[in-house]
């Protein structure tokens, strides 16, 4: 059984279990507004998920790219 989505990241995690994270990737855009929308979506989703790490990334045309994320 998984803890609720809004549970603190360590709640329900076994001692020694790996910390899970997710990188949410979009294509990236030349339009700065589109890139900021993706980053705002990820920031909002970060507060509702049980993943300990949630980071945005863009495949091309914008930073952060997947590597630094």
N, C-alpha and C. Protein backbone atom coordinates (compact mmCIF):
# COMPACT_ATOMS: atom_id res chain seq x y z
N UNK A 1 0.84 -1.18 0.00
CA UNK A 1 0.00 0.00 0.00
C UNK A 1 0.88 1.24 0.00
N UNK A 2 0.55 2.20 -0.83
CA UNK A 2 1.31 3.43 -0.94
C UNK A 2 0.72 4.49 -0.02
N UNK A 3 1.57 5.39 0.51
CA UNK A 3 1.04 6.51 1.29
C UNK A 3 0.24 7.43 0.37
N UNK A 4 -0.63 8.26 0.94
CA UNK A 4 -1.39 9.19 0.10
C UNK A 4 -0.46 10.11 -0.68
N UNK A 5 -0.94 10.62 -1.80
CA UNK A 5 -0.12 11.46 -2.68
C UNK A 5 0.42 12.68 -1.96
N UNK A 6 -0.30 13.21 -0.99
CA UNK A 6 0.15 14.41 -0.30
C UNK A 6 0.92 14.11 0.98
N UNK A 7 1.31 12.85 1.18
CA UNK A 7 2.09 12.48 2.37
C UNK A 7 3.50 13.04 2.26
N UNK A 8 4.14 13.32 3.40
CA UNK A 8 5.55 13.73 3.35
C UNK A 8 6.37 12.67 2.63
N UNK A 9 7.46 13.05 1.95
CA UNK A 9 8.22 12.11 1.12
C UNK A 9 8.67 10.85 1.84
N UNK A 10 9.02 10.91 3.11
CA UNK A 10 9.53 9.72 3.81
C UNK A 10 8.44 8.86 4.42
N UNK A 11 7.21 9.35 4.48
CA UNK A 11 6.14 8.58 5.11
C UNK A 11 5.84 7.33 4.27
N UNK A 12 5.86 6.18 4.90
CA UNK A 12 5.58 4.93 4.21
C UNK A 12 6.78 4.31 3.55
N UNK A 13 7.94 4.96 3.61
CA UNK A 13 9.15 4.44 2.99
C UNK A 13 9.87 3.55 3.99
N UNK A 14 10.27 2.37 3.54
CA UNK A 14 11.03 1.45 4.40
C UNK A 14 12.41 2.02 4.66
N UNK A 15 12.96 1.81 5.86
CA UNK A 15 14.33 2.25 6.12
C UNK A 15 15.28 1.61 5.11
N UNK A 16 16.14 2.41 4.54
CA UNK A 16 17.09 1.93 3.55
C UNK A 16 16.55 1.86 2.13
N UNK A 17 15.25 2.09 1.95
CA UNK A 17 14.68 2.07 0.60
C UNK A 17 15.18 3.29 -0.17
N UNK A 18 15.33 3.17 -1.47
CA UNK A 18 15.83 4.31 -2.25
C UNK A 18 14.81 5.45 -2.27
N UNK A 19 15.33 6.66 -2.35
CA UNK A 19 14.49 7.84 -2.51
C UNK A 19 14.15 7.95 -3.99
N UNK A 20 12.87 8.12 -4.28
CA UNK A 20 12.44 8.19 -5.67
C UNK A 20 12.26 9.64 -6.11
N UNK A 21 12.65 9.90 -7.33
CA UNK A 21 12.47 11.21 -7.91
C UNK A 21 11.97 11.07 -9.33
N UNK A 22 11.52 12.17 -9.88
CA UNK A 22 11.02 12.17 -11.25
C UNK A 22 11.46 13.47 -11.93
N UNK A 23 11.83 13.35 -13.20
CA UNK A 23 12.13 14.51 -14.03
C UNK A 23 11.00 14.61 -15.05
N UNK A 24 10.29 15.73 -15.06
CA UNK A 24 9.18 15.94 -15.99
C UNK A 24 9.75 16.71 -17.19
N UNK A 25 9.75 16.05 -18.35
CA UNK A 25 10.42 16.59 -19.53
C UNK A 25 9.41 17.03 -20.59
N UNK A 26 9.64 18.22 -21.15
CA UNK A 26 8.92 18.64 -22.34
C UNK A 26 9.94 18.88 -23.45
N UNK A 27 9.48 19.24 -24.61
CA UNK A 27 10.40 19.44 -25.72
C UNK A 27 11.26 20.68 -25.53
N UNK A 28 10.68 21.73 -24.99
CA UNK A 28 11.37 23.01 -24.92
C UNK A 28 10.89 23.88 -26.07
N UNK A 29 10.94 25.17 -25.88
CA UNK A 29 10.39 26.08 -26.87
C UNK A 29 11.28 27.31 -27.01
N UNK A 30 11.21 27.94 -28.16
CA UNK A 30 11.87 29.23 -28.34
C UNK A 30 11.08 30.32 -27.60
N UNK A 31 9.82 30.04 -27.32
CA UNK A 31 8.96 30.98 -26.59
C UNK A 31 9.18 30.81 -25.09
N UNK A 32 9.74 31.80 -24.46
CA UNK A 32 10.04 31.75 -23.03
C UNK A 32 8.78 31.47 -22.21
N UNK A 33 7.65 32.02 -22.62
CA UNK A 33 6.39 31.82 -21.90
C UNK A 33 6.03 30.33 -21.84
N UNK A 34 6.23 29.61 -22.93
CA UNK A 34 5.92 28.18 -22.96
C UNK A 34 6.82 27.42 -21.99
N UNK A 35 8.09 27.76 -21.94
CA UNK A 35 9.01 27.11 -21.01
C UNK A 35 8.62 27.40 -19.56
N UNK A 36 8.23 28.62 -19.28
CA UNK A 36 7.82 28.98 -17.91
C UNK A 36 6.52 28.25 -17.52
N UNK A 37 5.62 28.02 -18.49
CA UNK A 37 4.39 27.28 -18.19
C UNK A 37 4.72 25.86 -17.75
N UNK A 38 5.65 25.22 -18.44
CA UNK A 38 6.07 23.87 -18.06
C UNK A 38 6.65 23.88 -16.65
N UNK A 39 7.52 24.83 -16.37
CA UNK A 39 8.14 24.91 -15.05
C UNK A 39 7.11 25.20 -13.96
N UNK A 40 6.10 26.01 -14.26
CA UNK A 40 5.04 26.29 -13.29
C UNK A 40 4.20 25.04 -13.04
N UNK A 41 3.92 24.28 -14.10
CA UNK A 41 3.18 23.03 -13.93
C UNK A 41 3.94 22.09 -13.01
N UNK A 42 5.23 21.93 -13.25
CA UNK A 42 6.04 21.02 -12.44
C UNK A 42 6.09 21.51 -10.99
N UNK A 43 6.24 22.80 -10.78
CA UNK A 43 6.28 23.34 -9.41
C UNK A 43 4.96 23.05 -8.69
N UNK A 44 3.85 23.20 -9.39
CA UNK A 44 2.56 22.90 -8.77
C UNK A 44 2.39 21.42 -8.48
N UNK A 45 2.81 20.57 -9.41
CA UNK A 45 2.68 19.13 -9.22
C UNK A 45 3.59 18.64 -8.11
N UNK A 46 4.75 19.28 -7.96
CA UNK A 46 5.71 18.92 -6.91
C UNK A 46 5.05 18.91 -5.54
N UNK A 47 4.17 19.86 -5.29
CA UNK A 47 3.50 19.97 -4.00
C UNK A 47 2.40 18.95 -3.77
N UNK A 48 2.03 18.19 -4.79
CA UNK A 48 0.94 17.23 -4.64
C UNK A 48 1.38 15.78 -4.75
N UNK A 49 2.64 15.54 -5.02
CA UNK A 49 3.11 14.18 -5.25
C UNK A 49 3.92 13.68 -4.06
N UNK A 50 4.09 12.37 -3.99
CA UNK A 50 4.88 11.79 -2.90
C UNK A 50 6.34 11.59 -3.28
N UNK A 51 6.72 11.94 -4.51
CA UNK A 51 8.12 11.82 -4.90
C UNK A 51 8.96 12.82 -4.12
N UNK A 52 10.12 12.38 -3.66
CA UNK A 52 11.00 13.25 -2.87
C UNK A 52 11.64 14.32 -3.74
N UNK A 53 11.85 14.01 -5.01
CA UNK A 53 12.51 14.94 -5.93
C UNK A 53 11.65 15.05 -7.18
N UNK A 54 11.30 16.26 -7.56
CA UNK A 54 10.54 16.52 -8.79
C UNK A 54 11.17 17.73 -9.45
N UNK A 55 11.71 17.54 -10.66
CA UNK A 55 12.41 18.60 -11.36
C UNK A 55 11.92 18.73 -12.79
N UNK A 56 11.85 19.96 -13.31
CA UNK A 56 11.51 20.14 -14.72
C UNK A 56 12.76 20.04 -15.60
N UNK A 57 12.57 19.68 -16.86
CA UNK A 57 13.67 19.68 -17.83
C UNK A 57 13.08 19.85 -19.22
N UNK A 58 13.93 20.33 -20.13
CA UNK A 58 13.55 20.51 -21.52
C UNK A 58 14.51 19.68 -22.38
N UNK A 59 13.98 19.01 -23.43
CA UNK A 59 14.84 18.22 -24.31
C UNK A 59 15.73 19.10 -25.18
N UNK A 60 15.22 20.24 -25.57
CA UNK A 60 15.97 21.10 -26.49
C UNK A 60 15.48 22.53 -26.36
N UNK A 61 16.26 23.46 -26.83
CA UNK A 61 15.88 24.86 -26.99
C UNK A 61 15.79 25.66 -25.71
N UNK A 62 15.90 25.04 -24.54
CA UNK A 62 15.78 25.79 -23.28
C UNK A 62 16.51 25.07 -22.17
N UNK A 63 16.80 25.78 -21.12
CA UNK A 63 17.43 25.22 -19.92
C UNK A 63 16.42 25.24 -18.78
N UNK A 64 16.48 24.31 -17.83
CA UNK A 64 17.48 23.27 -17.68
C UNK A 64 17.24 22.12 -18.65
N UNK A 65 18.33 21.52 -19.13
CA UNK A 65 18.22 20.33 -19.95
C UNK A 65 18.12 19.12 -19.03
N UNK A 66 18.00 17.96 -19.61
CA UNK A 66 17.80 16.74 -18.81
C UNK A 66 19.00 16.45 -17.91
N UNK A 67 20.21 16.63 -18.39
CA UNK A 67 21.41 16.33 -17.60
C UNK A 67 21.46 17.04 -16.26
N UNK A 68 21.36 18.37 -16.22
CA UNK A 68 21.41 19.06 -14.94
C UNK A 68 20.21 18.79 -14.02
N UNK A 69 19.07 18.45 -14.63
CA UNK A 69 17.89 18.20 -13.81
C UNK A 69 18.11 16.97 -12.98
